[in-house]
Amino acid sequence: MTAMETLLATSFEKTFTGFVNDDDITKIKDNLFQQYQITLASSLKDFEKFECVTEKFLG
């Protein structure tokens, strides 16, 4: 990830945690890593993966 992508992903992750409880965040992060071997920040670069996993937990 470039520096700008990292900055935006970090900002998004902080904002996202304001809307989702800690248990769901943990489940989402774990699931992203299990399915795709990526972190939450990295998943924002490939938004389809992020969307697929969050949809499972948030509907």
PDB file of N, CA and C in Angstrom:
ATOM      1  N   MET A   1       0.846  -1.182   0.000  1.00  0.00           N
ATOM      2  CA  MET A   1       0.000   0.000   0.000  1.00  0.00           C
ATOM      3  C   MET A   1       0.887   1.240   0.000  1.00  0.00           C
ATOM      4  N   THR A   2       0.443   2.231  -0.729  1.00  0.00           N
ATOM      5  CA  THR A   2       1.176   3.488  -0.726  1.00  0.00           C
ATOM      6  C   THR A   2       0.911   4.223   0.584  1.00  0.00           C
ATOM      7  N   ALA A   3       1.676   5.253   0.821  1.00  0.00           N
ATOM      8  CA  ALA A   3       1.507   6.043   2.057  1.00  0.00           C
ATOM      9  C   ALA A   3       0.109   6.649   2.113  1.00  0.00           C
ATOM     10  N   MET A   4      -0.400   7.130   1.000  1.00  0.00           N
ATOM     11  CA  MET A   4      -1.733   7.741   0.979  1.00  0.00           C
ATOM     12  C   MET A   4      -2.809   6.693   1.253  1.00  0.00           C
ATOM     13  N   GLU A   5      -2.677   5.512   0.666  1.00  0.00           N
ATOM     14  CA  GLU A   5      -3.638   4.438   0.916  1.00  0.00           C
ATOM     15  C   GLU A   5      -3.625   4.034   2.385  1.00  0.00           C
ATOM     16  N   THR A   6      -2.455   3.955   2.966  1.00  0.00           N
ATOM     17  CA  THR A   6      -2.333   3.602   4.375  1.00  0.00           C
ATOM     18  C   THR A   6      -2.986   4.663   5.250  1.00  0.00           C
ATOM     19  N   LEU A   7      -2.751   5.909   4.943  1.00  0.00           N
ATOM     20  CA  LEU A   7      -3.361   7.012   5.694  1.00  0.00           C
ATOM     21  C   LEU A   7      -4.881   6.960   5.615  1.00  0.00           C
ATOM     22  N   LEU A   8      -5.410   6.762   4.428  1.00  0.00           N
ATOM     23  CA  LEU A   8      -6.863   6.691   4.258  1.00  0.00           C
ATOM     24  C   LEU A   8      -7.448   5.454   4.933  1.00  0.00           C
ATOM     25  N   ALA A   9      -6.767   4.334   4.823  1.00  0.00           N
ATOM     26  CA  ALA A   9      -7.251   3.101   5.444  1.00  0.00           C
ATOM     27  C   ALA A   9      -7.254   3.227   6.960  1.00  0.00           C
ATOM     28  N   THR A  10      -6.227   3.829   7.521  1.00  0.00           N
ATOM     29  CA  THR A  10      -6.159   4.019   8.968  1.00  0.00           C
ATOM     30  C   THR A  10      -7.285   4.925   9.437  1.00  0.00           C
ATOM     31  N   SER A  11      -7.523   5.984   8.717  1.00  0.00           N
ATOM     32  CA  SER A  11      -8.614   6.905   9.046  1.00  0.00           C
ATOM     33  C   SER A  11      -9.962   6.205   8.960  1.00  0.00           C
ATOM     34  N   PHE A  12     -10.152   5.413   7.900  1.00  0.00           N
ATOM     35  CA  PHE A  12     -11.408   4.687   7.747  1.00  0.00           C
ATOM     36  C   PHE A  12     -11.608   3.694   8.878  1.00  0.00           C
ATOM     37  N   GLU A  13     -10.542   2.975   9.243  1.00  0.00           N
ATOM     38  CA  GLU A  13     -10.655   1.968  10.299  1.00  0.00           C
ATOM     39  C   GLU A  13     -11.073   2.625  11.616  1.00  0.00           C
ATOM     40  N   LYS A  14     -10.525   3.783  11.920  1.00  0.00           N
ATOM     41  CA  LYS A  14     -10.901   4.489  13.145  1.00  0.00           C
ATOM     42  C   LYS A  14     -12.361   4.913  13.101  1.00  0.00           C
ATOM     43  N   THR A  15     -12.813   5.403  11.963  1.00  0.00           N
ATOM     44  CA  THR A  15     -14.203   5.812  11.809  1.00  0.00           C
ATOM     45  C   THR A  15     -15.130   4.610  11.878  1.00  0.00           C
ATOM     46  N   PHE A  16     -14.750   3.532  11.230  1.00  0.00           N
ATOM     47  CA  PHE A  16     -15.547   2.303  11.190  1.00  0.00           C
ATOM     48  C   PHE A  16     -15.772   1.750  12.595  1.00  0.00           C
ATOM     49  N   THR A  17     -14.746   1.816  13.442  1.00  0.00           N
ATOM     50  CA  THR A  17     -14.870   1.291  14.798  1.00  0.00           C
ATOM     51  C   THR A  17     -15.859   2.104  15.627  1.00  0.00           C
ATOM     52  N   GLY A  18     -16.177   3.298  15.199  1.00  0.00           N
ATOM     53  CA  GLY A  18     -17.181   4.101  15.883  1.00  0.00           C
ATOM     54  C   GLY A  18     -18.602   3.620  15.618  1.00  0.00           C
ATOM     55  N   PHE A  19     -18.782   2.850  14.554  1.00  0.00           N
ATOM     56  CA  PHE A  19     -20.110   2.377  14.172  1.00  0.00           C
ATOM     57  C   PHE A  19     -20.362   0.909  14.480  1.00  0.00           C
ATOM     58  N   VAL A  20     -19.298   0.162  14.717  1.00  0.00           N
ATOM     59  CA  VAL A  20     -19.402  -1.289  14.906  1.00  0.00           C
ATOM     60  C   VAL A  20     -18.796  -1.643  16.255  1.00  0.00           C
ATOM     61  N   ASN A  21     -19.438  -2.563  16.969  1.00  0.00           N
ATOM     62  CA  ASN A  21     -18.909  -2.921  18.289  1.00  0.00           C
ATOM     63  C   ASN A  21     -17.634  -3.757  18.166  1.00  0.00           C
ATOM     64  N   ASP A  22     -16.897  -3.828  19.269  1.00  0.00           N
ATOM     65  CA  ASP A  22     -15.584  -4.487  19.268  1.00  0.00           C
ATOM     66  C   ASP A  22     -15.652  -5.959  18.872  1.00  0.00           C
ATOM     67  N   ASP A  23     -16.703  -6.655  19.294  1.00  0.00           N
ATOM     68  CA  ASP A  23     -16.829  -8.079  18.943  1.00  0.00           C
ATOM     69  C   ASP A  23     -16.961  -8.269  17.436  1.00  0.00           C
ATOM     70  N   ASP A  24     -17.787  -7.422  16.809  1.00  0.00           N
ATOM     71  CA  ASP A  24     -17.961  -7.524  15.357  1.00  0.00           C
ATOM     72  C   ASP A  24     -16.674  -7.158  14.622  1.00  0.00           C
ATOM     73  N   ILE A  25     -15.960  -6.151  15.111  1.00  0.00           N
ATOM     74  CA  ILE A  25     -14.687  -5.770  14.492  1.00  0.00           C
ATOM     75  C   ILE A  25     -13.718  -6.958  14.531  1.00  0.00           C
ATOM     76  N   THR A  26     -13.642  -7.604  15.675  1.00  0.00           N
ATOM     77  CA  THR A  26     -12.753  -8.766  15.813  1.00  0.00           C
ATOM     78  C   THR A  26     -13.163  -9.868  14.851  1.00  0.00           C
ATOM     79  N   LYS A  27     -14.457 -10.144  14.761  1.00  0.00           N
ATOM     80  CA  LYS A  27     -14.946 -11.188  13.849  1.00  0.00           C
ATOM     81  C   LYS A  27     -14.622 -10.847  12.392  1.00  0.00           C
ATOM     82  N   ILE A  28     -14.819  -9.590  12.037  1.00  0.00           N
ATOM     83  CA  ILE A  28     -14.545  -9.150  10.666  1.00  0.00           C
ATOM     84  C   ILE A  28     -13.059  -9.289  10.358  1.00  0.00           C
ATOM     85  N   LYS A  29     -12.205  -8.810  11.262  1.00  0.00           N
ATOM     86  CA  LYS A  29     -10.756  -8.915  11.045  1.00  0.00           C
ATOM     87  C   LYS A  29     -10.314 -10.370  10.943  1.00  0.00           C
ATOM     88  N   ASP A  30     -10.815 -11.204  11.839  1.00  0.00           N
ATOM     89  CA  ASP A  30     -10.462 -12.624  11.807  1.00  0.00           C
ATOM     90  C   ASP A  30     -10.913 -13.285  10.516  1.00  0.00           C
ATOM     91  N   ASN A  31     -12.124 -12.969  10.093  1.00  0.00           N
ATOM     92  CA  ASN A  31     -12.666 -13.570   8.885  1.00  0.00           C
ATOM     93  C   ASN A  31     -11.901 -13.113   7.648  1.00  0.00           C
ATOM     94  N   LEU A  32     -11.547 -11.830   7.584  1.00  0.00           N
ATOM     95  CA  LEU A  32     -10.759 -11.334   6.457  1.00  0.00           C
ATOM     96  C   LEU A  32      -9.426 -12.064   6.371  1.00  0.00           C
ATOM     97  N   PHE A  33      -8.813 -12.280   7.525  1.00  0.00           N
ATOM     98  CA  PHE A  33      -7.525 -12.966   7.507  1.00  0.00           C
ATOM     99  C   PHE A  33      -7.684 -14.439   7.147  1.00  0.00           C
ATOM    100  N   GLN A  34      -8.707 -15.096   7.690  1.00  0.00           N
ATOM    101  CA  GLN A  34      -8.916 -16.514   7.392  1.00  0.00           C
ATOM    102  C   GLN A  34      -9.231 -16.749   5.927  1.00  0.00           C
ATOM    103  N   GLN A  35     -10.101 -15.911   5.364  1.00  0.00           N
ATOM    104  CA  GLN A  35     -10.523 -16.127   3.972  1.00  0.00           C
ATOM    105  C   GLN A  35      -9.514 -15.621   2.946  1.00  0.00           C
ATOM    106  N   TYR A  36      -8.914 -14.439   3.231  1.00  0.00           N
ATOM    107  CA  TYR A  36      -8.102 -13.787   2.200  1.00  0.00           C
ATOM    108  C   TYR A  36      -6.662 -13.483   2.627  1.00  0.00           C
ATOM    109  N   GLN A  37      -6.308 -13.763   3.883  1.00  0.00           N
ATOM    110  CA  GLN A  37      -4.988 -13.464   4.419  1.00  0.00           C
ATOM    111  C   GLN A  37      -4.649 -11.972   4.287  1.00  0.00           C
ATOM    112  N   ILE A  38      -5.640 -11.127   4.586  1.00  0.00           N
ATOM    113  CA  ILE A  38      -5.430  -9.680   4.543  1.00  0.00           C
ATOM    114  C   ILE A  38      -5.949  -9.051   5.833  1.00  0.00           C
ATOM    115  N   THR A  39      -5.472  -7.844   6.096  1.00  0.00           N
ATOM    116  CA  THR A  39      -5.924  -7.087   7.261  1.00  0.00           C
ATOM    117  C   THR A  39      -7.120  -6.226   6.863  1.00  0.00           C
ATOM    118  N   LEU A  40      -7.740  -5.628   7.860  1.00  0.00           N
ATOM    119  CA  LEU A  40      -8.868  -4.732   7.581  1.00  0.00           C
ATOM    120  C   LEU A  40      -8.413  -3.576   6.698  1.00  0.00           C
ATOM    121  N   ALA A  41      -7.283  -2.982   7.024  1.00  0.00           N
ATOM    122  CA  ALA A  41      -6.772  -1.866   6.219  1.00  0.00           C
ATOM    123  C   ALA A  41      -6.497  -2.303   4.780  1.00  0.00           C
ATOM    124  N   SER A  42      -5.894  -3.463   4.602  1.00  0.00           N
ATOM    125  CA  SER A  42      -5.609  -3.969   3.254  1.00  0.00           C
ATOM    126  C   SER A  42      -6.884  -4.281   2.479  1.00  0.00           C
ATOM    127  N   SER A  43      -7.931  -4.679   3.193  1.00  0.00           N
ATOM    128  CA  SER A  43      -9.181  -5.033   2.525  1.00  0.00           C
ATOM    129  C   SER A  43      -9.835  -3.833   1.870  1.00  0.00           C
ATOM    130  N   LEU A  44      -9.510  -2.655   2.329  1.00  0.00           N
ATOM    131  CA  LEU A  44     -10.114  -1.459   1.742  1.00  0.00           C
ATOM    132  C   LEU A  44      -9.602  -1.222   0.325  1.00  0.00           C
ATOM    133  N   LYS A  45      -8.434  -1.757   0.041  1.00  0.00           N
ATOM    134  CA  LYS A  45      -7.895  -1.662  -1.313  1.00  0.00           C
ATOM    135  C   LYS A  45      -8.686  -2.558  -2.262  1.00  0.00           C
ATOM    136  N   ASP A  46      -9.181  -3.661  -1.741  1.00  0.00           N
ATOM    137  CA  ASP A  46     -10.032  -4.576  -2.505  1.00  0.00           C
ATOM    138  C   ASP A  46     -11.390  -4.590  -1.805  1.00  0.00           C
ATOM    139  N   PHE A  47     -12.184  -3.579  -2.062  1.00  0.00           N
ATOM    140  CA  PHE A  47     -13.396  -3.329  -1.294  1.00  0.00           C
ATOM    141  C   PHE A  47     -14.412  -4.460  -1.379  1.00  0.00           C
ATOM    142  N   GLU A  48     -14.395  -5.232  -2.453  1.00  0.00           N
ATOM    143  CA  GLU A  48     -15.343  -6.348  -2.578  1.00  0.00           C
ATOM    144  C   GLU A  48     -15.151  -7.362  -1.452  1.00  0.00           C
ATOM    145  N   LYS A  49     -13.914  -7.627  -1.082  1.00  0.00           N
ATOM    146  CA  LYS A  49     -13.638  -8.563   0.001  1.00  0.00           C
ATOM    147  C   LYS A  49     -14.138  -7.997   1.323  1.00  0.00           C
ATOM    148  N   PHE A  50     -13.880  -6.725   1.560  1.00  0.00           N
ATOM    149  CA  PHE A  50     -14.354  -6.059   2.769  1.00  0.00           C
ATOM    150  C   PHE A  50     -15.872  -6.113   2.841  1.00  0.00           C
ATOM    151  N   GLU A  51     -16.517  -5.787   1.738  1.00  0.00           N
ATOM    152  CA  GLU A  51     -17.974  -5.777   1.682  1.00  0.00           C
ATOM    153  C   GLU A  51     -18.552  -7.169   1.917  1.00  0.00           C
ATOM    154  N   CYS A  52     -17.952  -8.178   1.327  1.00  0.00           N
ATOM    155  CA  CYS A  52     -18.420  -9.559   1.471  1.00  0.00           C
ATOM    156  C   CYS A  52     -18.369  -9.991   2.935  1.00  0.00           C
ATOM    157  N   VAL A  53     -17.280  -9.716   3.619  1.00  0.00           N
ATOM    158  CA  VAL A  53     -17.125 -10.141   5.002  1.00  0.00           C
ATOM    159  C   VAL A  53     -18.012  -9.330   5.924  1.00  0.00           C
ATOM    160  N   THR A  54     -18.069  -8.022   5.757  1.00  0.00           N
ATOM    161  CA  THR A  54     -18.896  -7.205   6.663  1.00  0.00           C
ATOM    162  C   THR A  54     -20.380  -7.512   6.489  1.00  0.00           C
ATOM    163  N   GLU A  55     -20.779  -7.875   5.293  1.00  0.00           N
ATOM    164  CA  GLU A  55     -22.182  -8.207   5.061  1.00  0.00           C
ATOM    165  C   GLU A  55     -22.610  -9.410   5.894  1.00  0.00           C
ATOM    166  N   LYS A  56     -21.707 -10.353   6.119  1.00  0.00           N
ATOM    167  CA  LYS A  56     -21.998 -11.521   6.942  1.00  0.00           C
ATOM    168  C   LYS A  56     -22.379 -11.140   8.369  1.00  0.00           C
ATOM    169  N   PHE A  57     -21.682 -10.144   8.903  1.00  0.00           N
ATOM    170  CA  PHE A  57     -21.848  -9.787  10.291  1.00  0.00           C
ATOM    171  C   PHE A  57     -22.817  -8.626  10.521  1.00  0.00           C
ATOM    172  N   LEU A  58     -22.943  -7.757   9.539  1.00  0.00           N
ATOM    173  CA  LEU A  58     -23.779  -6.569   9.725  1.00  0.00           C
ATOM    174  C   LEU A  58     -25.061  -6.591   8.917  1.00  0.00           C
ATOM    175  N   GLY A  59     -25.154  -7.542   8.022  1.00  0.00           N
ATOM    176  CA  GLY A  59     -26.378  -7.691   7.236  1.00  0.00           C
ATOM    177  C   GLY A  59     -26.462  -6.864   6.018  1.00  0.00           C
TER     178      GLY A  59
END
